[in-house]
């Protein structure tokens, strides 16, 4: 009886040790997202799908991009610079805006807060060493989900 309890405790202890090891090996999205990201593509998935169309996502024109993002600051930004202190610099053609950011949920929701207290939420669907994919729901005339894809151009942004 004592031998069985010892075996159960040993297996349980090894399971806990393995769990802690795996958790410690996971990458923290707040650290992984830091750096300079350049916009690669905007893609759009319609909520009302046409079954005759084979592709769910299609590239969108600048007009549709402007329509989808008319109330969003991000549609003007081509570079996003994430700093470790929660500061995000959005840069575009003759445009620069400083906002604050942080991760919510299980690290899968990016929250961006503007000076006027507007808050935007983006689903973080992919984050690797060189690729970032964000999704957001649109509530304009073009119902659906927009997907923004970025590539990392500089892993470490300059300290301000």
N, C-alpha and C. Protein backbone atom coordinates (compact mmCIF):
# COMPACT_ATOMS: atom_id res chain seq x y z
N UNK A 1 0.83 -1.19 0.00
CA UNK A 1 0.00 0.00 0.00
C UNK A 1 0.87 1.25 0.00
N UNK A 2 1.93 1.24 0.82
CA UNK A 2 2.83 2.38 0.89
C UNK A 2 3.57 2.58 -0.43
N UNK A 3 3.89 1.48 -1.10
CA UNK A 3 4.60 1.53 -2.38
C UNK A 3 3.72 2.18 -3.46
N UNK A 4 2.43 1.87 -3.45
CA UNK A 4 1.50 2.44 -4.43
C UNK A 4 1.39 3.95 -4.23
N UNK A 5 1.26 4.39 -2.98
CA UNK A 5 1.19 5.84 -2.70
C UNK A 5 2.47 6.54 -3.13
N UNK A 6 3.59 5.92 -2.93
CA UNK A 6 4.87 6.50 -3.34
C UNK A 6 4.90 6.65 -4.86
N UNK A 7 4.43 5.65 -5.57
CA UNK A 7 4.40 5.73 -7.03
C UNK A 7 3.44 6.82 -7.51
N UNK A 8 2.27 6.92 -6.90
CA UNK A 8 1.32 7.97 -7.26
C UNK A 8 1.91 9.36 -7.01
N UNK A 9 2.55 9.54 -5.88
CA UNK A 9 3.16 10.83 -5.56
C UNK A 9 4.29 11.16 -6.52
N UNK A 10 5.07 10.16 -6.89
CA UNK A 10 6.17 10.36 -7.84
C UNK A 10 5.62 10.78 -9.21
N UNK A 11 4.61 10.09 -9.69
CA UNK A 11 4.00 10.43 -10.99
C UNK A 11 3.37 11.82 -10.92
N UNK A 12 2.66 12.11 -9.85
CA UNK A 12 2.04 13.43 -9.67
C UNK A 12 3.11 14.52 -9.63
N UNK A 13 4.18 14.29 -8.90
CA UNK A 13 5.28 15.26 -8.81
C UNK A 13 5.95 15.49 -10.16
N UNK A 14 6.17 14.42 -10.92
CA UNK A 14 6.75 14.57 -12.26
C UNK A 14 5.80 15.33 -13.19
N UNK A 15 4.50 15.09 -13.05
CA UNK A 15 3.52 15.81 -13.86
C UNK A 15 3.53 17.30 -13.56
N UNK A 16 3.59 17.65 -12.29
CA UNK A 16 3.66 19.06 -11.89
C UNK A 16 4.96 19.69 -12.40
N UNK A 17 6.07 19.00 -12.27
CA UNK A 17 7.36 19.52 -12.73
C UNK A 17 7.34 19.74 -14.24
N UNK A 18 6.77 18.81 -14.99
CA UNK A 18 6.67 18.94 -16.45
C UNK A 18 5.77 20.12 -16.82
N UNK A 19 4.66 20.28 -16.11
CA UNK A 19 3.76 21.40 -16.36
C UNK A 19 4.46 22.73 -16.13
N UNK A 20 5.18 22.87 -15.03
CA UNK A 20 5.90 24.11 -14.73
C UNK A 20 6.98 24.36 -15.77
N UNK A 21 7.67 23.32 -16.19
CA UNK A 21 8.70 23.47 -17.22
C UNK A 21 8.10 23.97 -18.53
N UNK A 22 6.99 23.39 -18.96
CA UNK A 22 6.35 23.81 -20.21
C UNK A 22 5.82 25.24 -20.12
N UNK A 23 5.27 25.61 -18.99
CA UNK A 23 4.79 26.99 -18.82
C UNK A 23 5.95 27.97 -18.88
N UNK A 24 7.07 27.63 -18.29
CA UNK A 24 8.22 28.54 -18.30
C UNK A 24 8.84 28.67 -19.68
N UNK A 25 8.64 27.68 -20.55
CA UNK A 25 9.20 27.72 -21.90
C UNK A 25 8.32 28.53 -22.87
N UNK A 26 7.08 28.81 -22.50
CA UNK A 26 6.16 29.55 -23.38
C UNK A 26 6.63 30.99 -23.52
N UNK A 27 6.47 31.53 -24.72
CA UNK A 27 6.88 32.91 -24.99
C UNK A 27 5.79 33.86 -24.51
N UNK A 28 6.21 34.96 -23.91
CA UNK A 28 5.30 35.99 -23.44
C UNK A 28 4.96 36.91 -24.62
N UNK A 29 3.68 37.02 -25.02
CA UNK A 29 3.35 37.85 -26.17
C UNK A 29 3.67 39.33 -25.96
N UNK A 30 3.66 39.80 -24.72
CA UNK A 30 3.99 41.21 -24.48
C UNK A 30 5.45 41.50 -24.79
N UNK A 31 6.32 40.51 -24.63
CA UNK A 31 7.73 40.69 -24.96
C UNK A 31 7.96 40.43 -26.45
N UNK A 32 7.28 39.42 -26.99
CA UNK A 32 7.46 39.06 -28.40
C UNK A 32 7.00 40.16 -29.35
N UNK A 33 6.01 40.94 -28.95
CA UNK A 33 5.44 41.94 -29.85
C UNK A 33 6.29 43.21 -29.90
N UNK A 34 7.19 43.39 -28.95
CA UNK A 34 8.03 44.59 -28.91
C UNK A 34 8.90 44.68 -30.16
N UNK A 35 8.99 45.87 -30.70
CA UNK A 35 9.80 46.11 -31.89
C UNK A 35 9.03 46.92 -32.92
N UNK A 36 9.59 47.01 -34.09
CA UNK A 36 8.98 47.78 -35.18
C UNK A 36 8.38 46.82 -36.19
N UNK A 37 7.10 47.01 -36.49
CA UNK A 37 6.37 46.16 -37.42
C UNK A 37 5.87 47.00 -38.59
N UNK A 38 6.06 46.50 -39.80
CA UNK A 38 5.59 47.19 -41.01
C UNK A 38 4.39 46.46 -41.58
N UNK A 39 3.40 47.25 -41.99
CA UNK A 39 2.19 46.68 -42.57
C UNK A 39 2.52 45.98 -43.88
N UNK A 40 2.10 44.74 -44.00
CA UNK A 40 2.33 43.97 -45.22
C UNK A 40 1.05 43.94 -46.07
N UNK A 41 -0.05 43.48 -45.48
CA UNK A 41 -1.32 43.42 -46.21
C UNK A 41 -2.50 43.67 -45.29
N UNK A 42 -3.58 44.12 -45.90
CA UNK A 42 -4.91 44.15 -45.29
C UNK A 42 -5.74 43.16 -46.09
N UNK A 43 -6.43 42.28 -45.40
CA UNK A 43 -7.33 41.35 -46.07
C UNK A 43 -8.68 41.43 -45.37
N UNK A 44 -9.71 41.04 -46.08
CA UNK A 44 -11.06 41.22 -45.57
C UNK A 44 -11.90 39.98 -45.84
N UNK A 45 -12.58 39.51 -44.79
CA UNK A 45 -13.50 38.39 -44.94
C UNK A 45 -14.91 38.90 -44.71
N UNK A 46 -15.76 38.71 -45.68
CA UNK A 46 -17.14 39.17 -45.56
C UNK A 46 -17.92 38.26 -44.62
N UNK A 47 -18.81 38.88 -43.86
CA UNK A 47 -19.67 38.09 -42.97
C UNK A 47 -20.71 37.33 -43.78
N UNK A 48 -21.22 37.95 -44.84
CA UNK A 48 -22.19 37.30 -45.72
C UNK A 48 -21.43 36.71 -46.89
N UNK A 49 -21.01 35.47 -46.75
CA UNK A 49 -20.18 34.83 -47.76
C UNK A 49 -21.00 34.43 -48.98
N UNK A 50 -20.38 34.53 -50.11
CA UNK A 50 -20.95 34.06 -51.36
C UNK A 50 -20.35 32.69 -51.62
N UNK A 51 -21.17 31.68 -51.68
CA UNK A 51 -20.67 30.30 -51.82
C UNK A 51 -19.96 30.07 -53.14
N UNK A 52 -20.16 30.94 -54.12
CA UNK A 52 -19.49 30.75 -55.41
C UNK A 52 -18.05 31.24 -55.38
N UNK A 53 -17.69 31.99 -54.35
CA UNK A 53 -16.32 32.49 -54.22
C UNK A 53 -15.52 31.50 -53.40
N UNK A 54 -14.39 31.09 -53.93
CA UNK A 54 -13.59 30.05 -53.26
C UNK A 54 -12.72 30.60 -52.15
N UNK A 55 -12.27 31.84 -52.27
CA UNK A 55 -11.38 32.40 -51.25
C UNK A 55 -12.20 33.12 -50.19
N UNK A 56 -11.90 32.83 -48.93
CA UNK A 56 -12.56 33.54 -47.84
C UNK A 56 -12.01 34.94 -47.69
N UNK A 57 -10.70 35.07 -47.77
CA UNK A 57 -10.04 36.36 -47.61
C UNK A 57 -9.57 36.84 -48.97
N UNK A 58 -9.76 38.13 -49.22
CA UNK A 58 -9.25 38.74 -50.44
C UNK A 58 -8.59 40.05 -50.07
N UNK A 59 -7.61 40.45 -50.85
CA UNK A 59 -6.97 41.74 -50.62
C UNK A 59 -7.98 42.83 -50.91
N UNK A 60 -7.85 43.93 -50.21
CA UNK A 60 -8.83 45.00 -50.38
C UNK A 60 -8.17 46.24 -50.94
N UNK A 61 -8.98 47.06 -51.57
CA UNK A 61 -8.48 48.30 -52.15
C UNK A 61 -8.30 49.35 -51.06
N UNK A 62 -7.62 50.42 -51.40
CA UNK A 62 -7.43 51.51 -50.44
C UNK A 62 -8.76 52.14 -50.06
N UNK A 63 -9.71 52.20 -51.00
CA UNK A 63 -11.03 52.78 -50.70
C UNK A 63 -11.73 51.96 -49.63
N UNK A 64 -11.77 50.64 -49.79
CA UNK A 64 -12.42 49.77 -48.81
C UNK A 64 -11.67 49.82 -47.49
N UNK A 65 -10.35 49.87 -47.55
CA UNK A 65 -9.52 49.99 -46.34
C UNK A 65 -9.89 51.26 -45.58
N UNK A 66 -10.04 52.36 -46.30
CA UNK A 66 -10.43 53.62 -45.66
C UNK A 66 -11.84 53.54 -45.09
N UNK A 67 -12.75 52.88 -45.80
CA UNK A 67 -14.12 52.73 -45.33
C UNK A 67 -14.17 51.90 -44.05
N UNK A 68 -13.46 50.78 -44.05
CA UNK A 68 -13.44 49.90 -42.88
C UNK A 68 -12.82 50.61 -41.68
N UNK A 69 -11.75 51.35 -41.93
CA UNK A 69 -11.02 51.97 -40.83
C UNK A 69 -11.30 53.44 -40.64
N UNK A 70 -12.48 53.92 -41.10
CA UNK A 70 -12.73 55.36 -41.03
C UNK A 70 -12.73 55.89 -39.60
N UNK A 71 -13.10 55.08 -38.63
CA UNK A 71 -13.09 55.53 -37.24
C UNK A 71 -11.88 55.00 -36.47
N UNK A 72 -10.96 54.38 -37.18
CA UNK A 72 -9.78 53.82 -36.55
C UNK A 72 -8.55 54.61 -36.96
N UNK A 73 -7.64 54.81 -36.03
CA UNK A 73 -6.40 55.51 -36.34
C UNK A 73 -5.47 54.61 -37.13
N UNK A 74 -5.54 53.32 -36.90
CA UNK A 74 -4.57 52.39 -37.49
C UNK A 74 -4.60 52.37 -39.00
N UNK A 75 -5.69 52.78 -39.63
CA UNK A 75 -5.74 52.67 -41.09
C UNK A 75 -4.82 53.67 -41.76
N UNK A 76 -4.27 54.62 -41.00
CA UNK A 76 -3.32 55.58 -41.54
C UNK A 76 -1.88 55.15 -41.28
N UNK A 77 -1.70 54.16 -40.43
CA UNK A 77 -0.35 53.78 -40.00
C UNK A 77 0.19 52.63 -40.85
N UNK A 78 1.43 52.80 -41.28
CA UNK A 78 2.10 51.74 -42.02
C UNK A 78 3.15 51.05 -41.16
N UNK A 79 3.59 51.71 -40.09
CA UNK A 79 4.55 51.12 -39.15
C UNK A 79 4.00 51.25 -37.74
N UNK A 80 4.14 50.17 -37.00
CA UNK A 80 3.75 50.16 -35.59
C UNK A 80 5.02 49.88 -34.80
N UNK A 81 5.33 50.74 -33.84
CA UNK A 81 6.51 50.55 -32.99
C UNK A 81 6.04 50.30 -31.55
N UNK A 82 6.20 49.07 -31.10
CA UNK A 82 5.80 48.67 -29.75
C UNK A 82 6.97 48.84 -28.80
N UNK A 83 6.76 49.59 -27.73
CA UNK A 83 7.77 49.79 -26.70
C UNK A 83 7.37 49.02 -25.45
N UNK A 84 8.35 48.61 -24.64
CA UNK A 84 8.05 47.78 -23.47
C UNK A 84 7.23 48.48 -22.39
N UNK A 85 7.21 49.78 -22.37
CA UNK A 85 6.48 50.50 -21.32
C UNK A 85 5.01 50.73 -21.68
N UNK A 86 4.50 50.02 -22.68
CA UNK A 86 3.10 50.16 -23.06
C UNK A 86 2.85 51.29 -24.04
N UNK A 87 3.91 51.82 -24.62
CA UNK A 87 3.76 52.90 -25.59
C UNK A 87 3.84 52.33 -26.99
N UNK A 88 2.97 52.82 -27.86
CA UNK A 88 2.93 52.40 -29.26
C UNK A 88 2.95 53.64 -30.13
N UNK A 89 3.89 53.67 -31.07
CA UNK A 89 3.98 54.77 -32.04
C UNK A 89 3.44 54.25 -33.36
N UNK A 90 2.40 54.90 -33.88
CA UNK A 90 1.83 54.56 -35.18
C UNK A 90 2.34 55.58 -36.18
N UNK A 91 3.04 55.10 -37.22
CA UNK A 91 3.61 55.99 -38.22
C UNK A 91 3.04 55.67 -39.59
N UNK A 92 2.79 56.73 -40.35
CA UNK A 92 2.33 56.57 -41.72
C UNK A 92 2.97 57.62 -42.59
N UNK A 93 2.43 57.82 -43.76
CA UNK A 93 2.94 58.82 -44.69
C UNK A 93 2.57 60.21 -44.16
N UNK A 94 3.53 60.89 -43.53
CA UNK A 94 3.27 62.20 -42.95
C UNK A 94 2.39 62.15 -41.72
N UNK A 95 2.37 61.03 -41.03
CA UNK A 95 1.47 60.83 -39.90
C UNK A 95 2.23 60.12 -38.78
N UNK A 96 2.04 60.60 -37.55
CA UNK A 96 2.62 59.92 -36.38
C UNK A 96 1.71 60.15 -35.19
N UNK A 97 1.40 59.08 -34.47
CA UNK A 97 0.52 59.16 -33.31
C UNK A 97 1.05 58.25 -32.23
N UNK A 98 1.06 58.75 -31.00
CA UNK A 98 1.48 57.95 -29.85
C UNK A 98 0.25 57.53 -29.07
N UNK A 99 0.14 56.23 -28.82
CA UNK A 99 -0.98 55.66 -28.07
C UNK A 99 -0.42 54.67 -27.05
N UNK A 100 -1.29 54.14 -26.21
CA UNK A 100 -0.83 53.12 -25.25
C UNK A 100 -1.43 51.77 -25.63
N UNK A 101 -0.72 50.70 -25.27
CA UNK A 101 -1.17 49.36 -25.59
C UNK A 101 -0.91 48.42 -24.43
N UNK A 102 -1.69 47.35 -24.36
CA UNK A 102 -1.38 46.23 -23.48
C UNK A 102 -2.18 45.01 -23.93
N UNK A 103 -1.74 43.86 -23.48
CA UNK A 103 -2.36 42.60 -23.85
C UNK A 103 -3.41 42.25 -22.80
N UNK A 104 -4.52 41.70 -23.27
CA UNK A 104 -5.59 41.28 -22.38
C UNK A 104 -5.87 39.80 -22.61
N UNK A 105 -6.74 39.27 -21.79
CA UNK A 105 -7.12 37.86 -21.92
C UNK A 105 -5.94 36.96 -21.63
N UNK A 106 -5.75 35.97 -22.47
CA UNK A 106 -4.63 35.04 -22.34
C UNK A 106 -3.47 35.49 -23.22
N UNK A 107 -3.39 36.78 -23.50
CA UNK A 107 -2.36 37.30 -24.39
C UNK A 107 -2.80 37.25 -25.84
N UNK A 108 -4.10 37.07 -26.06
CA UNK A 108 -4.60 36.97 -27.43
C UNK A 108 -5.39 38.21 -27.86
N UNK A 109 -5.51 39.20 -27.00
CA UNK A 109 -6.24 40.42 -27.34
C UNK A 109 -5.32 41.62 -27.12
N UNK A 110 -5.12 42.38 -28.18
CA UNK A 110 -4.33 43.60 -28.11
C UNK A 110 -5.29 44.77 -27.92
N UNK A 111 -5.10 45.51 -26.83
CA UNK A 111 -5.94 46.67 -26.55
C UNK A 111 -5.12 47.93 -26.80
N UNK A 112 -5.67 48.83 -27.61
CA UNK A 112 -5.02 50.10 -27.90
C UNK A 112 -5.92 51.21 -27.38
N UNK A 113 -5.32 52.10 -26.59
CA UNK A 113 -6.07 53.20 -25.98
C UNK A 113 -5.50 54.52 -26.47
N UNK A 114 -6.40 55.39 -26.94
CA UNK A 114 -6.01 56.69 -27.47
C UNK A 114 -6.18 57.77 -26.42
N UNK A 115 -5.62 58.95 -26.70
CA UNK A 115 -5.70 60.07 -25.76
C UNK A 115 -7.14 60.47 -25.46
N UNK A 116 -8.01 60.34 -26.44
CA UNK A 116 -9.41 60.71 -26.23
C UNK A 116 -10.20 59.59 -25.56
N UNK A 117 -9.50 58.62 -25.00
CA UNK A 117 -10.05 57.48 -24.27
C UNK A 117 -10.79 56.48 -25.14
N UNK A 118 -10.70 56.62 -26.47
CA UNK A 118 -11.22 55.57 -27.35
C UNK A 118 -10.37 54.33 -27.18
N UNK A 119 -11.01 53.18 -27.17
CA UNK A 119 -10.30 51.91 -27.00
C UNK A 119 -10.66 51.00 -28.17
N UNK A 120 -9.64 50.37 -28.74
CA UNK A 120 -9.83 49.41 -29.81
C UNK A 120 -9.25 48.07 -29.38
N UNK A 121 -9.91 47.00 -29.76
CA UNK A 121 -9.46 45.65 -29.43
C UNK A 121 -9.20 44.88 -30.72
N UNK A 122 -8.07 44.19 -30.76
CA UNK A 122 -7.68 43.39 -31.91
C UNK A 122 -7.37 41.98 -31.44
N UNK A 123 -7.84 40.99 -32.17
CA UNK A 123 -7.51 39.59 -31.87
C UNK A 123 -6.14 39.28 -32.45
N UNK A 124 -5.25 38.84 -31.60
CA UNK A 124 -3.90 38.45 -32.02
C UNK A 124 -3.97 37.00 -32.45
N UNK A 125 -3.97 36.77 -33.77
CA UNK A 125 -4.13 35.41 -34.27
C UNK A 125 -2.81 34.72 -34.57
N UNK A 126 -1.76 35.49 -34.83
CA UNK A 126 -0.45 34.89 -35.07
C UNK A 126 0.63 35.86 -34.64
N UNK A 127 1.60 35.34 -33.91
CA UNK A 127 2.75 36.14 -33.48
C UNK A 127 3.97 35.24 -33.49
N UNK A 128 4.89 35.54 -34.41
CA UNK A 128 6.14 34.79 -34.48
C UNK A 128 7.28 35.81 -34.46
N UNK A 129 8.50 35.33 -34.66
CA UNK A 129 9.65 36.23 -34.62
C UNK A 129 9.59 37.28 -35.72
N UNK A 130 8.93 36.99 -36.82
CA UNK A 130 8.93 37.94 -37.94
C UNK A 130 7.56 38.23 -38.53
N UNK A 131 6.48 37.72 -37.92
CA UNK A 131 5.14 37.93 -38.48
C UNK A 131 4.13 38.19 -37.37
N UNK A 132 3.25 39.16 -37.62
CA UNK A 132 2.18 39.53 -36.70
C UNK A 132 0.89 39.61 -37.50
N UNK A 133 -0.16 38.91 -37.04
CA UNK A 133 -1.46 38.96 -37.70
C UNK A 133 -2.51 39.37 -36.68
N UNK A 134 -3.22 40.47 -36.98
CA UNK A 134 -4.29 40.98 -36.13
C UNK A 134 -5.60 40.93 -36.90
N UNK A 135 -6.68 40.59 -36.20
CA UNK A 135 -8.02 40.61 -36.78
C UNK A 135 -8.88 41.58 -35.98
N UNK A 136 -9.81 42.25 -36.67
CA UNK A 136 -10.80 43.04 -35.97
C UNK A 136 -12.11 43.01 -36.72
N UNK A 137 -13.21 43.09 -35.95
CA UNK A 137 -14.54 43.10 -36.55
C UNK A 137 -14.87 44.50 -37.01
N UNK A 138 -15.46 44.60 -38.18
CA UNK A 138 -15.89 45.91 -38.68
C UNK A 138 -17.39 46.04 -38.43
N UNK A 139 -17.80 47.25 -38.12
CA UNK A 139 -19.22 47.49 -37.90
C UNK A 139 -19.73 48.56 -38.87
N UNK A 140 -19.09 48.65 -40.00
CA UNK A 140 -19.51 49.62 -41.00
C UNK A 140 -20.41 48.95 -42.02
N UNK A 141 -20.57 49.57 -43.17
CA UNK A 141 -21.41 49.01 -44.23
C UNK A 141 -20.85 47.69 -44.72
N UNK A 142 -19.56 47.50 -44.60
CA UNK A 142 -18.91 46.27 -45.06
C UNK A 142 -18.77 45.33 -43.88
N UNK A 143 -19.82 44.57 -43.58
CA UNK A 143 -19.79 43.67 -42.43
C UNK A 143 -18.77 42.57 -42.64
N UNK A 144 -17.98 42.31 -41.62
CA UNK A 144 -17.02 41.23 -41.72
C UNK A 144 -15.82 41.43 -40.82
N UNK A 145 -14.76 40.70 -41.13
CA UNK A 145 -13.55 40.73 -40.32
C UNK A 145 -12.39 41.17 -41.20
N UNK A 146 -11.65 42.15 -40.72
CA UNK A 146 -10.45 42.59 -41.44
C UNK A 146 -9.24 41.94 -40.78
N UNK A 147 -8.28 41.55 -41.59
CA UNK A 147 -7.06 40.92 -41.09
C UNK A 147 -5.88 41.76 -41.55
N UNK A 148 -5.07 42.20 -40.58
CA UNK A 148 -3.88 42.99 -40.85
C UNK A 148 -2.67 42.09 -40.63
N UNK A 149 -1.77 42.07 -41.59
CA UNK A 149 -0.55 41.27 -41.48
C UNK A 149 0.65 42.20 -41.49
N UNK A 150 1.56 41.99 -40.56
CA UNK A 150 2.76 42.81 -40.42
C UNK A 150 3.99 41.92 -40.45
N UNK A 151 5.11 42.50 -40.87
CA UNK A 151 6.41 41.83 -40.76
C UNK A 151 7.30 42.69 -39.86
N UNK A 152 8.14 42.02 -39.10
CA UNK A 152 9.02 42.74 -38.18
C UNK A 152 10.20 43.29 -38.95
N UNK A 153 10.39 44.60 -38.87
CA UNK A 153 11.50 45.23 -39.58
C UNK A 153 12.66 45.53 -38.65
N UNK A 154 12.37 45.70 -37.37
CA UNK A 154 13.42 45.99 -36.40
C UNK A 154 12.99 45.39 -35.07
N UNK A 155 13.71 44.38 -34.56
CA UNK A 155 13.28 43.74 -33.33
C UNK A 155 13.38 44.63 -32.10
N UNK A 156 14.27 45.60 -32.13
CA UNK A 156 14.43 46.47 -30.98
C UNK A 156 14.25 47.90 -31.41
N UNK A 157 13.25 48.54 -30.85
CA UNK A 157 13.02 49.94 -31.17
C UNK A 157 13.87 50.80 -30.27
N UNK A 158 14.20 51.98 -30.74
CA UNK A 158 15.03 52.89 -29.96
C UNK A 158 14.29 53.35 -28.71
N UNK A 159 15.02 53.44 -27.62
CA UNK A 159 14.44 53.94 -26.38
C UNK A 159 14.23 55.44 -26.50
N UNK A 160 13.07 55.89 -26.07
CA UNK A 160 12.78 57.33 -26.13
C UNK A 160 12.98 57.93 -24.76
